[in-house]
PDB file of N, CA and C in Angstrom:
ATOM      1  N   MET A   1     -84.522  97.567 227.631  1.00  0.00           N
ATOM      2  CA  MET A   1     -84.419  97.090 226.248  1.00  0.00           C
ATOM      3  C   MET A   1     -82.463  96.863 226.371  1.00  0.00           C
ATOM      4  N   LYS A   2     -82.034  95.962 226.124  1.00  0.00           N
ATOM      5  CA  LYS A   2     -80.730  96.379 226.345  1.00  0.00           C
ATOM      6  C   LYS A   2     -80.293  95.591 224.872  1.00  0.00           C
ATOM      7  N   ASP A   3     -79.910  96.491 223.835  1.00  0.00           N
ATOM      8  CA  ASP A   3     -80.054  96.100 222.719  1.00  0.00           C
ATOM      9  C   ASP A   3     -78.545  96.462 222.235  1.00  0.00           C
ATOM     10  N   ALA A   4     -77.523  95.997 222.377  1.00  0.00           N
ATOM     11  CA  ALA A   4     -75.781  96.413 222.453  1.00  0.00           C
ATOM     12  C   ALA A   4     -75.281  94.736 221.853  1.00  0.00           C
ATOM     13  N   GLY A   5     -75.604  95.408 220.437  1.00  0.00           N
ATOM     14  CA  GLY A   5     -74.353  94.378 220.352  1.00  0.00           C
ATOM     15  C   GLY A   5     -75.459  93.143 219.275  1.00  0.00           C
ATOM     16  N   ILE A   6     -76.270  92.718 218.516  1.00  0.00           N
ATOM     17  CA  ILE A   6     -76.596  92.431 217.666  1.00  0.00           C
ATOM     18  C   ILE A   6     -76.630  92.702 216.742  1.00  0.00           C
ATOM     19  N   LEU A   7     -76.230  91.481 216.163  1.00  0.00           N
ATOM     20  CA  LEU A   7     -75.895  91.344 214.629  1.00  0.00           C
ATOM     21  C   LEU A   7     -77.083  90.164 214.184  1.00  0.00           C
ATOM     22  N   LEU A   8     -77.128  90.950 213.169  1.00  0.00           N
ATOM     23  CA  LEU A   8     -78.244  90.446 212.192  1.00  0.00           C
ATOM     24  C   LEU A   8     -76.775  89.383 211.338  1.00  0.00           C
ATOM     25  N   SER A   9     -77.222  88.106 210.622  1.00  0.00           N
ATOM     26  CA  SER A   9     -76.337  88.070 209.270  1.00  0.00           C
ATOM     27  C   SER A   9     -77.211  87.565 208.030  1.00  0.00           C
ATOM     28  N   ILE A  10     -76.451  88.721 206.851  1.00  0.00           N
ATOM     29  CA  ILE A  10     -78.234  88.952 205.906  1.00  0.00           C
ATOM     30  C   ILE A  10     -76.708  88.624 204.762  1.00  0.00           C
ATOM     31  N   LYS A  11     -78.000  87.995 203.328  1.00  0.00           N
ATOM     32  CA  LYS A  11     -77.467  87.396 202.552  1.00  0.00           C
ATOM     33  C   LYS A  11     -77.828  87.766 201.031  1.00  0.00           C
ATOM     34  N   ILE A  12     -77.879  88.790 200.965  1.00  0.00           N
ATOM     35  CA  ILE A  12     -78.167  89.129 198.978  1.00  0.00           C
ATOM     36  C   ILE A  12     -77.555  87.755 198.495  1.00  0.00           C
ATOM     37  N   LEU A  13     -78.984  87.637 197.506  1.00  0.00           N
ATOM     38  CA  LEU A  13     -78.355  85.714 196.705  1.00  0.00           C
ATOM     39  C   LEU A  13     -78.734  86.848 194.799  1.00  0.00           C
ATOM     40  N   SER A  14     -77.995  85.975 194.448  1.00  0.00           N
ATOM     41  CA  SER A  14     -78.774  85.917 193.038  1.00  0.00           C
ATOM     42  C   SER A  14     -77.191  86.713 191.749  1.00  0.00           C
ATOM     43  N   MET A  15     -78.011  86.169 190.526  1.00  0.00           N
ATOM     44  CA  MET A  15     -76.807  86.572 189.453  1.00  0.00           C
ATOM     45  C   MET A  15     -76.272  87.418 188.878  1.00  0.00           C
ATOM     46  N   GLN A  16     -77.117  88.323 188.961  1.00  0.00           N
ATOM     47  CA  GLN A  16     -77.695  89.723 189.214  1.00  0.00           C
ATOM     48  C   GLN A  16     -76.929  90.874 189.682  1.00  0.00           C
ATOM     49  N   TYR A  17     -76.066  91.844 189.478  1.00  0.00           N
ATOM     50  CA  TYR A  17     -74.905  92.308 190.235  1.00  0.00           C
ATOM     51  C   TYR A  17     -76.423  93.784 190.831  1.00  0.00           C
ATOM     52  N   PRO A  18     -76.906  94.021 190.261  1.00  0.00           N
ATOM     53  CA  PRO A  18     -78.118  95.563 189.406  1.00  0.00           C
ATOM     54  C   PRO A  18     -78.899  94.750 190.763  1.00  0.00           C
ATOM     55  N   GLU A  19     -79.070  93.712 190.872  1.00  0.00           N
ATOM     56  CA  GLU A  19     -80.542  93.446 191.669  1.00  0.00           C
ATOM     57  C   GLU A  19     -80.317  92.653 193.128  1.00  0.00           C
ATOM     58  N   ARG A  20     -78.646  92.701 193.060  1.00  0.00           N
ATOM     59  CA  ARG A  20     -78.146  92.512 194.271  1.00  0.00           C
ATOM     60  C   ARG A  20     -77.939  93.483 194.952  1.00  0.00           C
ATOM     61  N   TYR A  21     -76.992  94.687 193.620  1.00  0.00           N
ATOM     62  CA  TYR A  21     -77.568  96.424 194.496  1.00  0.00           C
ATOM     63  C   TYR A  21     -78.450  96.538 195.064  1.00  0.00           C
ATOM     64  N   ALA A  22     -79.733  96.462 194.375  1.00  0.00           N
ATOM     65  CA  ALA A  22     -80.667  97.567 194.061  1.00  0.00           C
ATOM     66  C   ALA A  22     -81.420  96.863 195.946  1.00  0.00           C
ATOM     67  N   MET A  23     -81.454  95.950 196.445  1.00  0.00           N
ATOM     68  CA  MET A  23     -81.290  95.163 197.592  1.00  0.00           C
ATOM     69  C   MET A  23     -80.659  95.783 198.778  1.00  0.00           C
ATOM     70  N   ARG A  24     -79.126  95.551 198.531  1.00  0.00           N
ATOM     71  CA  ARG A  24     -78.341  96.058 199.138  1.00  0.00           C
ATOM     72  C   ARG A  24     -78.281  97.423 200.101  1.00  0.00           C
ATOM     73  N   ARG A  25     -79.230  98.681 199.244  1.00  0.00           N
ATOM     74  CA  ARG A  25     -79.979 100.034 199.352  1.00  0.00           C
ATOM     75  C   ARG A  25     -80.382  99.649 199.912  1.00  0.00           C
ATOM     76  N   LEU A  26     -81.848  98.992 200.006  1.00  0.00           N
ATOM     77  CA  LEU A  26     -83.191  98.694 200.761  1.00  0.00           C
ATOM     78  C   LEU A  26     -82.765  98.202 201.694  1.00  0.00           C
ATOM     79  N   VAL A  27     -82.156  96.590 202.002  1.00  0.00           N
ATOM     80  CA  VAL A  27     -81.684  96.384 203.010  1.00  0.00           C
ATOM     81  C   VAL A  27     -80.813  97.814 203.880  1.00  0.00           C
ATOM     82  N   THR A  28     -79.577  98.366 203.839  1.00  0.00           N
ATOM     83  CA  THR A  28     -79.345  99.910 204.847  1.00  0.00           C
ATOM     84  C   THR A  28     -80.469 100.411 205.129  1.00  0.00           C
ATOM     85  N   ALA A  29     -80.693 101.275 204.048  1.00  0.00           N
ATOM     86  CA  ALA A  29     -82.116 102.285 203.717  1.00  0.00           C
ATOM     87  C   ALA A  29     -83.007 101.536 205.485  1.00  0.00           C
ATOM     88  N   ALA A  30     -83.009 100.490 205.885  1.00  0.00           N
ATOM     89  CA  ALA A  30     -83.956  99.515 206.778  1.00  0.00           C
ATOM     90  C   ALA A  30     -83.636 100.208 207.738  1.00  0.00           C
ATOM     91  N   GLN A  31     -82.198  99.689 207.362  1.00  0.00           N
ATOM     92  CA  GLN A  31     -81.186  99.913 208.767  1.00  0.00           C
ATOM     93  C   GLN A  31     -81.561 100.760 209.880  1.00  0.00           C
ATOM     94  N   ARG A  32     -80.676 101.857 208.578  1.00  0.00           N
ATOM     95  CA  ARG A  32     -81.195 103.978 209.160  1.00  0.00           C
ATOM     96  C   ARG A  32     -82.023 104.089 209.646  1.00  0.00           C
ATOM     97  N   GLY A  33     -83.199 103.271 209.022  1.00  0.00           N
ATOM     98  CA  GLY A  33     -85.124 104.328 209.411  1.00  0.00           C
ATOM     99  C   GLY A  33     -85.000 103.658 210.346  1.00  0.00           C
ATOM    100  N   LEU A  34     -84.293 102.627 211.387  1.00  0.00           N
ATOM    101  CA  LEU A  34     -84.554 102.261 212.447  1.00  0.00           C
ATOM    102  C   LEU A  34     -83.596 102.480 213.105  1.00  0.00           C
ATOM    103  N   TYR A  35     -82.424 103.451 213.366  1.00  0.00           N
ATOM    104  CA  TYR A  35     -81.880 103.863 214.188  1.00  0.00           C
ATOM    105  C   TYR A  35     -82.077 104.342 215.294  1.00  0.00           C
ATOM    106  N   GLU A  36     -83.614 104.802 215.154  1.00  0.00           N
ATOM    107  CA  GLU A  36     -83.770 105.516 216.427  1.00  0.00           C
ATOM    108  C   GLU A  36     -84.442 104.113 217.565  1.00  0.00           C
ATOM    109  N   VAL A  37     -85.022 102.945 217.157  1.00  0.00           N
ATOM    110  CA  VAL A  37     -85.001 101.712 217.467  1.00  0.00           C
ATOM    111  C   VAL A  37     -84.138 101.189 218.467  1.00  0.00           C
ATOM    112  N   HIS A  38     -83.005 100.642 217.021  1.00  0.00           N
ATOM    113  CA  HIS A  38     -82.285 100.103 217.727  1.00  0.00           C
ATOM    114  C   HIS A  38     -81.119 100.107 217.181  1.00  0.00           C
ATOM    115  N   PRO A  39     -81.170 101.456 217.896  1.00  0.00           N
ATOM    116  CA  PRO A  39     -79.471 102.201 217.529  1.00  0.00           C
ATOM    117  C   PRO A  39     -77.795 101.274 217.027  1.00  0.00           C
ATOM    118  N   PHE A  40     -78.183  99.621 218.223  1.00  0.00           N
ATOM    119  CA  PHE A  40     -77.281  99.598 218.143  1.00  0.00           C
ATOM    120  C   PHE A  40     -76.880  98.601 217.378  1.00  0.00           C
ATOM    121  N   LEU A  41     -77.781  98.387 216.145  1.00  0.00           N
ATOM    122  CA  LEU A  41     -78.235  96.825 215.420  1.00  0.00           C
ATOM    123  C   LEU A  41     -77.234  96.798 214.463  1.00  0.00           C
ATOM    124  N   GLU A  42     -77.058  95.672 214.559  1.00  0.00           N
ATOM    125  CA  GLU A  42     -75.022  95.964 213.004  1.00  0.00           C
ATOM    126  C   GLU A  42     -75.678  94.764 211.762  1.00  0.00           C
ATOM    127  N   LEU A  43     -75.470  94.733 211.191  1.00  0.00           N
ATOM    128  CA  LEU A  43     -76.401  93.912 210.165  1.00  0.00           C
ATOM    129  C   LEU A  43     -74.125  93.713 209.008  1.00  0.00           C
ATOM    130  N   ASP A  44     -74.759  92.158 209.479  1.00  0.00           N
ATOM    131  CA  ASP A  44     -73.083  91.252 207.984  1.00  0.00           C
ATOM    132  C   ASP A  44     -73.471  91.584 206.534  1.00  0.00           C
ATOM    133  N   ILE A  45     -73.620  92.604 205.875  1.00  0.00           N
ATOM    134  CA  ILE A  45     -74.150  92.021 204.770  1.00  0.00           C
ATOM    135  C   ILE A  45     -72.919  91.504 203.881  1.00  0.00           C
ATOM    136  N   SER A  46     -73.216  89.768 203.120  1.00  0.00           N
ATOM    137  CA  SER A  46     -73.264  89.135 202.087  1.00  0.00           C
ATOM    138  C   SER A  46     -73.474  89.846 200.545  1.00  0.00           C
ATOM    139  N   GLU A  47     -72.629  89.719 199.596  1.00  0.00           N
ATOM    140  CA  GLU A  47     -73.325  88.918 198.454  1.00  0.00           C
ATOM    141  C   GLU A  47     -73.561  87.512 197.714  1.00  0.00           C
ATOM    142  N   VAL A  48     -74.726  87.098 197.443  1.00  0.00           N
ATOM    143  CA  VAL A  48     -74.122  86.124 197.026  1.00  0.00           C
ATOM    144  C   VAL A  48     -74.686  85.055 195.724  1.00  0.00           C
ATOM    145  N   ALA A  49     -73.362  85.567 194.576  1.00  0.00           N
ATOM    146  CA  ALA A  49     -73.322  85.239 192.784  1.00  0.00           C
ATOM    147  C   ALA A  49     -73.372  83.878 192.897  1.00  0.00           C
ATOM    148  N   ASP A  50     -72.619  82.696 193.626  1.00  0.00           N
ATOM    149  CA  ASP A  50     -72.343  81.616 192.450  1.00  0.00           C
ATOM    150  C   ASP A  50     -74.291  81.285 192.658  1.00  0.00           C
ATOM    151  N   PRO A  51     -74.303  80.341 191.717  1.00  0.00           N
ATOM    152  CA  PRO A  51     -75.707  79.821 191.292  1.00  0.00           C
ATOM    153  C   PRO A  51     -76.039  78.252 192.391  1.00  0.00           C
ATOM    154  N   GLY A  52     -75.226  78.052 192.475  1.00  0.00           N
ATOM    155  CA  GLY A  52     -74.787  77.086 193.520  1.00  0.00           C
ATOM    156  C   GLY A  52     -75.072  77.178 194.868  1.00  0.00           C
ATOM    157  N   SER A  53     -74.572  78.400 195.697  1.00  0.00           N
ATOM    158  CA  SER A  53     -74.543  78.581 196.884  1.00  0.00           C
ATOM    159  C   SER A  53     -75.934  79.024 196.523  1.00  0.00           C
ATOM    160  N   ILE A  54     -77.143  79.914 195.811  1.00  0.00           N
ATOM    161  CA  ILE A  54     -78.236  80.422 196.084  1.00  0.00           C
ATOM    162  C   ILE A  54     -79.252  79.065 195.481  1.00  0.00           C
ATOM    163  N   GLY A  55     -79.164  78.140 195.331  1.00  0.00           N
ATOM    164  CA  GLY A  55     -79.570  76.861 195.457  1.00  0.00           C
ATOM    165  C   GLY A  55     -80.023  75.818 197.068  1.00  0.00           C
ATOM    166  N   ARG A  56     -79.289  76.718 197.395  1.00  0.00           N
ATOM    167  CA  ARG A  56     -79.458  76.096 199.301  1.00  0.00           C
ATOM    168  C   ARG A  56     -79.909  76.793 199.476  1.00  0.00           C
ATOM    169  N   TYR A  57     -80.786  77.573 199.012  1.00  0.00           N
ATOM    170  CA  TYR A  57     -81.822  78.819 199.498  1.00  0.00           C
ATOM    171  C   TYR A  57     -82.540  79.234 198.966  1.00  0.00           C
ATOM    172  N   ALA A  58     -82.388  78.786 197.629  1.00  0.00           N
ATOM    173  CA  ALA A  58     -83.504  79.797 196.242  1.00  0.00           C
ATOM    174  C   ALA A  58     -83.871  78.738 195.111  1.00  0.00           C
ATOM    175  N   ASN A  59     -84.956  78.617 194.319  1.00  0.00           N
ATOM    176  CA  ASN A  59     -84.914  77.883 193.146  1.00  0.00           C
ATOM    177  C   ASN A  59     -84.720  79.576 192.544  1.00  0.00           C
ATOM    178  N   VAL A  60     -84.681  80.409 192.188  1.00  0.00           N
ATOM    179  CA  VAL A  60     -84.991  81.483 191.712  1.00  0.00           C
ATOM    180  C   VAL A  60     -83.194  82.426 191.341  1.00  0.00           C
ATOM    181  N   LEU A  61     -82.847  82.140 190.615  1.00  0.00           N
ATOM    182  CA  LEU A  61     -80.965  82.889 190.160  1.00  0.00           C
ATOM    183  C   LEU A  61     -80.999  84.458 190.276  1.00  0.00           C
ATOM    184  N   ILE A  62     -82.311  85.070 189.066  1.00  0.00           N
ATOM    185  CA  ILE A  62     -81.852  86.522 188.746  1.00  0.00           C
ATOM    186  C   ILE A  62     -82.657  87.400 189.045  1.00  0.00           C
ATOM    187  N   LEU A  63     -83.541  86.641 189.766  1.00  0.00           N
ATOM    188  CA  LEU A  63     -84.426  87.226 190.832  1.00  0.00           C
ATOM    189  C   LEU A  63     -83.931  88.006 192.574  1.00  0.00           C
ATOM    190  N   PRO A  64     -84.314  88.907 193.094  1.00  0.00           N
ATOM    191  CA  PRO A  64     -82.903  88.817 194.177  1.00  0.00           C
ATOM    192  C   PRO A  64     -83.915  88.283 195.086  1.00  0.00           C
ATOM    193  N   THR A  65     -82.615  86.681 196.266  1.00  0.00           N
ATOM    194  CA  THR A  65     -83.310  86.585 197.752  1.00  0.00           C
ATOM    195  C   THR A  65     -83.031  86.925 198.730  1.00  0.00           C
ATOM    196  N   LEU A  66     -83.536  86.981 199.475  1.00  0.00           N
ATOM    197  CA  LEU A  66     -83.057  88.082 201.347  1.00  0.00           C
ATOM    198  C   LEU A  66     -83.092  86.851 202.604  1.00  0.00           C
ATOM    199  N   VAL A  67     -81.866  86.722 202.670  1.00  0.00           N
ATOM    200  CA  VAL A  67     -81.584  85.143 203.731  1.00  0.00           C
ATOM    201  C   VAL A  67     -81.291  86.459 204.581  1.00  0.00           C
ATOM    202  N   ILE A  68     -82.082  86.029 206.266  1.00  0.00           N
ATOM    203  CA  ILE A  68     -81.548  87.061 207.193  1.00  0.00           C
ATOM    204  C   ILE A  68     -81.349  85.507 208.398  1.00  0.00           C
ATOM    205  N   ASN A  69     -80.364  85.884 208.730  1.00  0.00           N
ATOM    206  CA  ASN A  69     -80.042  85.288 210.467  1.00  0.00           C
ATOM    207  C   ASN A  69     -80.522  83.248 209.790  1.00  0.00           C
ATOM    208  N   GLU A  70     -80.344  83.232 208.064  1.00  0.00           N
ATOM    209  CA  GLU A  70     -80.405  82.253 207.680  1.00  0.00           C
ATOM    210  C   GLU A  70     -81.670  81.188 207.947  1.00  0.00           C
ATOM    211  N   LYS A  71     -82.432  82.237 207.487  1.00  0.00           N
ATOM    212  CA  LYS A  71     -84.028  81.748 207.177  1.00  0.00           C
ATOM    213  C   LYS A  71     -84.394  83.298 206.280  1.00  0.00           C
ATOM    214  N   VAL A  72     -84.239  82.176 204.781  1.00  0.00           N
ATOM    215  CA  VAL A  72     -85.036  82.938 203.279  1.00  0.00           C
ATOM    216  C   VAL A  72     -86.137  83.596 203.700  1.00  0.00           C
ATOM    217  N   VAL A  73     -86.512  85.251 203.964  1.00  0.00           N
ATOM    218  CA  VAL A  73     -87.971  85.941 204.038  1.00  0.00           C
ATOM    219  C   VAL A  73     -88.132  86.533 202.760  1.00  0.00           C
ATOM    220  N   CYS A  74     -87.354  86.231 202.006  1.00  0.00           N
ATOM    221  CA  CYS A  74     -87.811  86.917 200.424  1.00  0.00           C
ATOM    222  C   CYS A  74     -87.252  85.937 199.515  1.00  0.00           C
ATOM    223  N   SER A  75     -87.878  85.774 198.158  1.00  0.00           N
ATOM    224  CA  SER A  75     -87.380  85.213 197.014  1.00  0.00           C
ATOM    225  C   SER A  75     -88.032  85.940 195.510  1.00  0.00           C
ATOM    226  N   GLY A  76     -87.152  86.240 194.847  1.00  0.00           N
ATOM    227  CA  GLY A  76     -88.642  86.450 193.762  1.00  0.00           C
ATOM    228  C   GLY A  76     -88.985  87.696 193.464  1.00  0.00           C
ATOM    229  N   ARG A  77     -89.030  88.394 194.129  1.00  0.00           N
ATOM    230  CA  ARG A  77     -89.440  90.017 193.853  1.00  0.00           C
ATOM    231  C   ARG A  77     -88.357  90.709 194.959  1.00  0.00           C
ATOM    232  N   ARG A  78     -88.496  92.406 195.160  1.00  0.00           N
ATOM    233  CA  ARG A  78     -87.983  93.608 195.566  1.00  0.00           C
ATOM    234  C   ARG A  78     -89.187  93.505 196.696  1.00  0.00           C
ATOM    235  N   PRO A  79     -88.975  93.092 197.860  1.00  0.00           N
ATOM    236  CA  PRO A  79     -89.600  93.771 198.673  1.00  0.00           C
ATOM    237  C   PRO A  79     -90.212  95.792 198.998  1.00  0.00           C
ATOM    238  N   SER A  80     -90.967  95.658 200.410  1.00  0.00           N
ATOM    239  CA  SER A  80     -90.553  97.309 200.500  1.00  0.00           C
ATOM    240  C   SER A  80     -89.308  97.304 201.555  1.00  0.00           C
ATOM    241  N   LEU A  81     -90.185  98.632 201.943  1.00  0.00           N
ATOM    242  CA  LEU A  81     -89.086  99.529 203.428  1.00  0.00           C
ATOM    243  C   LEU A  81     -90.054  98.647 204.417  1.00  0.00           C
ATOM    244  N   GLU A  82     -90.545  99.769 203.759  1.00  0.00           N
ATOM    245  CA  GLU A  82     -91.778  98.703 205.164  1.00  0.00           C
ATOM    246  C   GLU A  82     -91.522  96.942 205.568  1.00  0.00           C
ATOM    247  N   GLU A  83     -91.589  96.957 204.582  1.00  0.00           N
ATOM    248  CA  GLU A  83     -91.236  94.433 204.832  1.00  0.00           C
ATOM    249  C   GLU A  83     -90.060  94.158 206.127  1.00  0.00           C
ATOM    250  N   VAL A  84     -88.616  94.764 204.609  1.00  0.00           N
ATOM    251  CA  VAL A  84     -87.636  94.934 204.961  1.00  0.00           C
ATOM    252  C   VAL A  84     -87.316  95.558 206.770  1.00  0.00           C
ATOM    253  N   CYS A  85     -87.959  95.868 207.074  1.00  0.00           N
ATOM    254  CA  CYS A  85     -87.992  96.891 208.178  1.00  0.00           C
ATOM    255  C   CYS A  85     -89.070  95.794 209.525  1.00  0.00           C
ATOM    256  N   GLY A  86     -89.727  95.002 208.687  1.00  0.00           N
ATOM    257  CA  GLY A  86     -90.259  94.216 209.594  1.00  0.00           C
ATOM    258  C   GLY A  86     -89.192  93.428 210.191  1.00  0.00           C
ATOM    259  N   TRP A  87     -88.698  92.219 208.680  1.00  0.00           N
ATOM    260  CA  TRP A  87     -88.392  91.422 208.853  1.00  0.00           C
ATOM    261  C   TRP A  87     -86.308  91.468 210.133  1.00  0.00           C
ATOM    262  N   LEU A  88     -86.707  93.084 210.203  1.00  0.00           N
ATOM    263  CA  LEU A  88     -85.032  93.789 210.822  1.00  0.00           C
ATOM    264  C   LEU A  88     -85.668  93.249 212.108  1.00  0.00           C
ATOM    265  N   LEU A  89     -86.329  94.348 212.165  1.00  0.00           N
ATOM    266  CA  LEU A  89     -87.159  93.558 213.842  1.00  0.00           C
ATOM    267  C   LEU A  89     -87.549  92.458 214.498  1.00  0.00           C
ATOM    268  N   GLU A  90     -87.874  91.149 213.485  1.00  0.00           N
ATOM    269  CA  GLU A  90     -88.254  90.639 214.108  1.00  0.00           C
ATOM    270  C   GLU A  90     -86.724  89.434 213.944  1.00  0.00           C
ATOM    271  N   ALA A  91     -86.457  89.580 213.301  1.00  0.00           N
ATOM    272  CA  ALA A  91     -84.820  89.093 213.450  1.00  0.00           C
ATOM    273  C   ALA A  91     -84.044  89.842 214.858  1.00  0.00           C
ATOM    274  N   ALA A  92     -84.208  90.911 215.143  1.00  0.00           N
ATOM    275  CA  ALA A  92     -84.251  91.465 216.429  1.00  0.00           C
ATOM    276  C   ALA A  92     -84.012  91.588 217.416  1.00  0.00           C
ATOM    277  N   ALA A  93     -85.354  90.991 217.121  1.00  0.00           N
ATOM    278  CA  ALA A  93     -86.107  90.196 218.628  1.00  0.00           C
ATOM    279  C   ALA A  93     -85.301  89.186 219.056  1.00  0.00           C
ATOM    280  N   THR A  94     -85.767  88.229 218.144  1.00  0.00           N
ATOM    281  CA  THR A  94     -85.535  86.976 218.094  1.00  0.00           C
ATOM    282  C   THR A  94     -83.506  86.463 218.785  1.00  0.00           C
ATOM    283  N   SER A  95     -82.885  87.999 218.422  1.00  0.00           N
ATOM    284  CA  SER A  95     -81.348  87.509 218.225  1.00  0.00           C
ATOM    285  C   SER A  95     -80.949  87.975 219.725  1.00  0.00           C
TER     286      SER A  95
END
């Protein structure tokens, strides 16, 4: 299976910077953890703080929402590292 060129779009939504920062660290830690399986997995990570833009995906503004390839995978809580790894693997398999 050739994994070269897998690019996932990641959006981290929250009005609070600390929540976005914590989620970004979790997502990048998951990417590092998956390096052995998917060494060419690339993430295009963007942070969204605008309430109107967040509202297109979730009703939660303060707690983080994680969107992978335009699919909301988690909202209103911080997921575990294992959950994020699973979501990244699932998105990579369908990309």
